[in-house]
Every structure is written in structure tokens, then in C-alpha cells.
Amino acid sequence: MTKFQRHPKHKKLKDSWRRPRGHQNKLRKGKKSKGKKPNVGYGTQDKGKHPSGYYEKIVHNTKELEDVNEEEEAVRIGGTVGKRKKKEITENAEKMGLKVLNPFKEG
């Protein structure tokens, strides 16, 4: 069940949130009995984080691995990096104990 209910609650409509736009709509007006609306203050404390819980740090070479904070940041290898260097970065990151979000895979 979603935190914010769609209004009006018809069976054929999905539960996904849609902003109430009606002139006399009670939910739009903010009546407490009609349910909650998403407002400022419902945001999460984890803005900008990867679902794994780390901040992403984009890396293009092995030298940039030294600047990564292993407790808070995970490594994402840049899209323009080639296969050989990507393999090199992945191996060095594993030795340093860093999490790689898009590691090199053989095959």
C-alpha cells in the first residue's frame, strides 16, 4: 500500500499518486480526514545515494581510486574507459577494499 493514496479511490484506477486538481476537492484543500499529500518534509535523508547505501564516485583511471573514501563512497567506472583499463581498475579496487558498482566481467 502506498503512503499517499490516489483520490478518488476507484477500483479500475491504479494506486499511484496523482495530484488532485478539482476546484472543490477536499484532498487538494488539505482536509485531514481525506488523507495525506506529498509536501516538503517527506523527503529522505539519503538523497543522491546509490541503492547500496554509498555515494557514487566516477573513476577513469587507477590513480583516482586513491581519493575514494571506502566507508561512504563506491566506485563507478566511467563509460568511456576501455576493457583493459576497466579490468585494471576493478582489480585494484578489490585490493583496496572498495565496492565497484559496475565491475569488469570476463566473457
Protein backbone atom coordinates (compact mmCIF):
# COMPACT_ATOMS: atom_id res chain seq x y z
CA MET A 1 0.00 0.00 0.00
CA THR A 2 1.36 3.41 -0.92
CA LYS A 3 1.89 6.20 1.59
CA PHE A 4 -0.11 8.70 -0.47
CA GLN A 5 -3.45 7.47 -1.74
CA ARG A 6 -4.91 8.49 -5.08
CA HIS A 7 -8.16 10.42 -4.89
CA PRO A 8 -10.89 9.47 -5.74
CA LYS A 9 -10.43 5.79 -4.97
CA HIS A 10 -11.88 3.93 -7.95
CA LYS A 11 -11.30 0.20 -8.38
CA LYS A 12 -10.19 0.44 -12.03
CA LEU A 13 -7.52 3.06 -11.35
CA LYS A 14 -4.09 2.21 -10.03
CA ASP A 15 -2.99 3.35 -6.56
CA SER A 16 -0.19 5.54 -7.97
CA TRP A 17 -0.27 9.14 -6.77
CA ARG A 18 -1.92 11.79 -8.92
CA ARG A 19 -2.21 15.38 -7.79
CA PRO A 20 -5.83 16.39 -7.05
CA ARG A 21 -6.86 19.26 -9.35
CA GLY A 22 -10.59 19.67 -8.75
CA HIS A 23 -11.90 23.07 -7.66
CA GLN A 24 -13.76 21.73 -4.63
CA ASN A 25 -11.59 18.68 -4.00
CA LYS A 26 -11.18 18.14 -0.23
CA LEU A 27 -7.80 16.44 -0.58
CA ARG A 28 -6.45 19.39 -2.60
CA LYS A 29 -7.71 21.77 0.07
CA GLY A 30 -5.87 19.79 2.75
CA LYS A 31 -8.68 18.31 4.85
CA LYS A 32 -7.06 15.95 7.37
CA SER A 33 -9.74 13.28 7.05
CA LYS A 34 -9.15 12.85 3.30
CA GLY A 35 -5.57 11.60 3.55
CA LYS A 36 -2.02 12.88 3.17
CA LYS A 37 -0.45 14.76 0.28
CA PRO A 38 3.26 14.74 -0.52
CA ASN A 39 4.70 18.01 0.79
CA VAL A 40 8.09 19.38 1.78
CA GLY A 41 9.34 17.37 4.74
CA TYR A 42 8.59 13.90 3.41
CA GLY A 43 11.98 13.71 1.65
CA THR A 44 14.53 11.06 2.53
CA GLN A 45 17.87 11.68 4.22
CA ASP A 46 19.64 9.55 1.57
CA LYS A 47 19.35 11.93 -1.41
CA GLY A 48 21.97 11.26 -4.06
CA LYS A 49 22.90 7.83 -2.73
CA HIS A 50 23.02 4.59 -4.71
CA PRO A 51 20.54 1.92 -3.53
CA SER A 52 23.51 0.07 -1.99
CA GLY A 53 23.84 2.93 0.51
CA TYR A 54 27.02 4.50 -0.89
CA TYR A 55 27.65 7.75 -2.73
CA GLU A 56 28.94 7.17 -6.28
CA LYS A 57 32.42 8.28 -7.29
CA ILE A 58 33.13 8.10 -11.04
CA VAL A 59 36.66 6.90 -11.79
CA HIS A 60 38.55 6.91 -15.11
CA ASN A 61 41.95 5.58 -14.02
CA THR A 62 43.66 3.78 -11.13
CA LYS A 63 45.13 6.98 -9.71
CA GLU A 64 41.64 8.33 -8.95
CA LEU A 65 40.99 5.33 -6.66
CA GLU A 66 43.22 6.93 -4.01
CA ASP A 67 40.71 9.77 -3.47
CA VAL A 68 37.80 7.41 -2.67
CA ASN A 69 36.52 7.19 0.92
CA GLU A 70 35.76 3.48 1.38
CA GLU A 71 33.20 3.95 4.20
CA GLU A 72 30.94 6.37 2.31
CA GLU A 73 31.73 6.04 -1.41
CA ALA A 74 31.53 3.30 -4.01
CA VAL A 75 33.38 3.33 -7.34
CA ARG A 76 31.64 3.58 -10.71
CA ILE A 77 33.95 3.15 -13.69
CA GLY A 78 33.41 5.79 -16.39
CA GLY A 79 31.63 4.79 -19.58
CA THR A 80 34.48 5.82 -21.87
CA VAL A 81 37.01 3.56 -20.13
CA GLY A 82 38.21 0.62 -22.23
CA LYS A 83 38.18 -3.07 -21.41
CA ARG A 84 41.83 -3.40 -20.38
CA LYS A 85 41.81 -0.37 -18.07
CA LYS A 86 38.43 -1.37 -16.63
CA LYS A 87 39.88 -4.75 -15.65
CA GLU A 88 42.88 -2.96 -14.08
CA ILE A 89 40.66 -0.59 -12.08
CA THR A 90 38.43 -3.44 -10.86
CA GLU A 91 41.41 -5.47 -9.62
CA ASN A 92 43.00 -2.50 -7.83
CA ALA A 93 39.69 -1.50 -6.22
CA GLU A 94 39.19 -5.03 -4.85
CA LYS A 95 42.71 -4.98 -3.37
CA MET A 96 41.94 -1.64 -1.69
CA GLY A 97 38.63 -2.97 -0.34
CA LEU A 98 36.41 -0.66 -2.42
CA LYS A 99 32.97 -1.55 -3.76
CA VAL A 100 32.72 -1.35 -7.57
CA LEU A 101 29.18 -0.74 -8.86
CA ASN A 102 29.96 -1.80 -12.46
CA PRO A 103 32.88 -4.24 -12.22
CA PHE A 104 34.70 -5.84 -15.17
CA LYS A 105 33.29 -9.26 -16.05
CA GLU A 106 35.11 -11.72 -18.29
CA GLY A 107 33.21 -13.03 -21.24
